[in-house]
Structures are given as C-alpha cells and as structure tokens.
Amino acid sequence: MYVCSCFGITEAQVKKHADAGACTPRQIASACKAGTDCGGCVRRIQALLGRDCSRRDLVSQQREPVAASVGHPVALPVAAVQDTRLPDAA
C-alpha cells in the first residue's frame, strides 16, 4: 500500500528505512523524500514509525525518564514582563 503518493513510497519502503534506523518522519524524508511534498502522508509515516521504532527504542537504547529531562518552568518577575498593548488613540 502506498504511503506517499507524491513520490510513490510504500509501507514496505518506510518499514525498510525504519529497520535501517530511521525513527522520525524527518529521517524517512532524508532517506526517500516521503513527506516532503504535500505533507499528507506524514501522519501515516508517524503511525508506522511509532509501532516500529518504539519497540526498538525500548529494547536497544537506554533512555532517561521524561520527567528527569524536562526542566521546571521558570517564573518571571512581573517587572520582566513587557506590556505589548498599543497605546489608546486620543
């Protein structure tokens, strides 16, 4: 079944690139151009990669937990926030 009509890329081709190590739509695009023209196939590529790469990532790579890699938001003092409103016309 075709995933990318613009370049005639099939599911089998996307899976082949995923097996070779591509785990993002951008990496697939670099390998075969799929997703670089109209963009209509990017969600389908994401779905295919989500199934293929998530298992491979869990098995072959040690990742740190998401909570550990996400910083806490920084609170800005009120004085640091600029007023972007336009002045009222008189």
C-alpha atoms as a PDB file:
ATOM      1  CA  MET A   1       0.000   0.000   0.000  1.00  0.00           C
ATOM      2  CA  TYR A   2       1.253   3.485  -0.859  1.00  0.00           C
ATOM      3  CA  VAL A   3       2.045   5.831   1.993  1.00  0.00           C
ATOM      4  CA  CYS A   4       3.319   8.747  -0.104  1.00  0.00           C
ATOM      5  CA  SER A   5       1.511   9.269  -3.395  1.00  0.00           C
ATOM      6  CA  CYS A   6       3.750  12.170  -4.396  1.00  0.00           C
ATOM      7  CA  PHE A   7       6.871  10.019  -4.555  1.00  0.00           C
ATOM      8  CA  GLY A   8       5.322   6.536  -4.791  1.00  0.00           C
ATOM      9  CA  ILE A   9       6.679   5.351  -1.425  1.00  0.00           C
ATOM     10  CA  THR A  10       5.093   2.213   0.023  1.00  0.00           C
ATOM     11  CA  GLU A  11       4.635   0.993   3.594  1.00  0.00           C
ATOM     12  CA  ALA A  12       7.264  -1.654   2.897  1.00  0.00           C
ATOM     13  CA  GLN A  13       9.782   1.022   1.916  1.00  0.00           C
ATOM     14  CA  VAL A  14       9.061   3.074   5.048  1.00  0.00           C
ATOM     15  CA  LYS A  15       9.430  -0.059   7.183  1.00  0.00           C
ATOM     16  CA  LYS A  16      12.704  -0.892   5.410  1.00  0.00           C
ATOM     17  CA  HIS A  17      14.085   2.550   6.278  1.00  0.00           C
ATOM     18  CA  ALA A  18      12.808   2.170   9.850  1.00  0.00           C
ATOM     19  CA  ASP A  19      14.598  -1.182  10.118  1.00  0.00           C
ATOM     20  CA  ALA A  20      17.744   0.584   8.907  1.00  0.00           C
ATOM     21  CA  GLY A  21      17.446   3.047  11.809  1.00  0.00           C
ATOM     22  CA  ALA A  22      15.114   5.868  10.743  1.00  0.00           C
ATOM     23  CA  CYS A  23      12.835   6.690  13.666  1.00  0.00           C
ATOM     24  CA  THR A  24      11.374  10.062  12.704  1.00  0.00           C
ATOM     25  CA  PRO A  25       9.455  11.366   9.692  1.00  0.00           C
ATOM     26  CA  ARG A  26      12.398  13.690   9.008  1.00  0.00           C
ATOM     27  CA  GLN A  27      14.771  10.726   8.812  1.00  0.00           C
ATOM     28  CA  ILE A  28      12.359   8.955   6.451  1.00  0.00           C
ATOM     29  CA  ALA A  29      12.209  12.118   4.325  1.00  0.00           C
ATOM     30  CA  SER A  30      16.002  12.192   4.141  1.00  0.00           C
ATOM     31  CA  ALA A  31      16.048   8.564   3.043  1.00  0.00           C
ATOM     32  CA  CYS A  32      13.309   8.618   0.379  1.00  0.00           C
ATOM     33  CA  LYS A  33      11.633  12.088   0.190  1.00  0.00           C
ATOM     34  CA  ALA A  34       8.330  10.798   1.606  1.00  0.00           C
ATOM     35  CA  GLY A  35       6.507  13.622   3.385  1.00  0.00           C
ATOM     36  CA  THR A  36       8.435  16.440   1.709  1.00  0.00           C
ATOM     37  CA  ASP A  37       5.932  17.490  -0.969  1.00  0.00           C
ATOM     38  CA  CYS A  38       2.289  17.879   0.117  1.00  0.00           C
ATOM     39  CA  GLY A  39       2.805  16.506   3.660  1.00  0.00           C
ATOM     40  CA  GLY A  40      -0.382  14.448   3.563  1.00  0.00           C
ATOM     41  CA  CYS A  41       1.475  11.254   4.425  1.00  0.00           C
ATOM     42  CA  VAL A  42       3.374  12.492   7.495  1.00  0.00           C
ATOM     43  CA  ARG A  43       0.769  11.257   9.988  1.00  0.00           C
ATOM     44  CA  ARG A  44       0.764   7.811   8.365  1.00  0.00           C
ATOM     45  CA  ILE A  45       4.572   7.745   8.494  1.00  0.00           C
ATOM     46  CA  GLN A  46       4.426   8.731  12.169  1.00  0.00           C
ATOM     47  CA  ALA A  47       1.991   5.899  12.836  1.00  0.00           C
ATOM     48  CA  LEU A  48       4.215   3.382  11.066  1.00  0.00           C
ATOM     49  CA  LEU A  49       7.303   4.616  12.880  1.00  0.00           C
ATOM     50  CA  GLY A  50       5.528   4.696  16.222  1.00  0.00           C
ATOM     51  CA  ARG A  51       4.896   0.992  16.011  1.00  0.00           C
ATOM     52  CA  ASP A  52       8.292   0.061  14.574  1.00  0.00           C
ATOM     53  CA  CYS A  53      10.608   2.368  16.481  1.00  0.00           C
ATOM     54  CA  SER A  54       9.038   2.382  19.923  1.00  0.00           C
ATOM     55  CA  ARG A  55       9.780  -1.305  20.408  1.00  0.00           C
ATOM     56  CA  ARG A  56      13.290  -0.963  19.017  1.00  0.00           C
ATOM     57  CA  ASP A  57      13.993   2.062  21.210  1.00  0.00           C
ATOM     58  CA  LEU A  58      12.842   0.256  24.327  1.00  0.00           C
ATOM     59  CA  VAL A  59      14.946  -2.795  23.587  1.00  0.00           C
ATOM     60  CA  SER A  60      18.133  -1.274  22.185  1.00  0.00           C
ATOM     61  CA  GLN A  61      18.502   2.098  23.892  1.00  0.00           C
ATOM     62  CA  GLN A  62      18.652   3.160  27.497  1.00  0.00           C
ATOM     63  CA  ARG A  63      16.664   6.356  27.907  1.00  0.00           C
ATOM     64  CA  GLU A  64      16.330   8.555  30.903  1.00  0.00           C
ATOM     65  CA  PRO A  65      12.803   9.127  32.176  1.00  0.00           C
ATOM     66  CA  VAL A  66      10.978  12.037  30.591  1.00  0.00           C
ATOM     67  CA  ALA A  67      10.374  13.715  33.949  1.00  0.00           C
ATOM     68  CA  ALA A  68      14.120  13.852  34.585  1.00  0.00           C
ATOM     69  CA  SER A  69      14.844  15.537  31.263  1.00  0.00           C
ATOM     70  CA  VAL A  70      12.136  18.203  31.497  1.00  0.00           C
ATOM     71  CA  GLY A  71      13.033  21.291  33.483  1.00  0.00           C
ATOM     72  CA  HIS A  72      10.605  23.150  35.658  1.00  0.00           C
ATOM     73  CA  PRO A  73       9.126  26.311  34.176  1.00  0.00           C
ATOM     74  CA  VAL A  74      10.813  29.494  35.256  1.00  0.00           C
ATOM     75  CA  ALA A  75       8.596  32.141  36.810  1.00  0.00           C
ATOM     76  CA  LEU A  76       9.369  35.628  35.537  1.00  0.00           C
ATOM     77  CA  PRO A  77       9.114  38.583  37.867  1.00  0.00           C
ATOM     78  CA  VAL A  78       6.247  40.882  36.963  1.00  0.00           C
ATOM     79  CA  ALA A  79       8.701  43.671  36.076  1.00  0.00           C
ATOM     80  CA  ALA A  80      10.300  41.440  33.410  1.00  0.00           C
ATOM     81  CA  VAL A  81       7.048  41.038  31.503  1.00  0.00           C
ATOM     82  CA  GLN A  82       6.581  43.777  28.933  1.00  0.00           C
ATOM     83  CA  ASP A  83       3.260  45.388  28.143  1.00  0.00           C
ATOM     84  CA  THR A  84       2.614  44.728  24.451  1.00  0.00           C
ATOM     85  CA  ARG A  85      -0.679  46.613  24.258  1.00  0.00           C
ATOM     86  CA  LEU A  86      -0.890  49.537  21.861  1.00  0.00           C
ATOM     87  CA  PRO A  87      -1.497  52.938  23.412  1.00  0.00           C
ATOM     88  CA  ASP A  88      -5.056  54.213  23.169  1.00  0.00           C
ATOM     89  CA  ALA A  89      -5.629  56.728  20.386  1.00  0.00           C
ATOM     90  CA  ALA A  90      -6.865  60.058  21.710  1.00  0.00           C
END
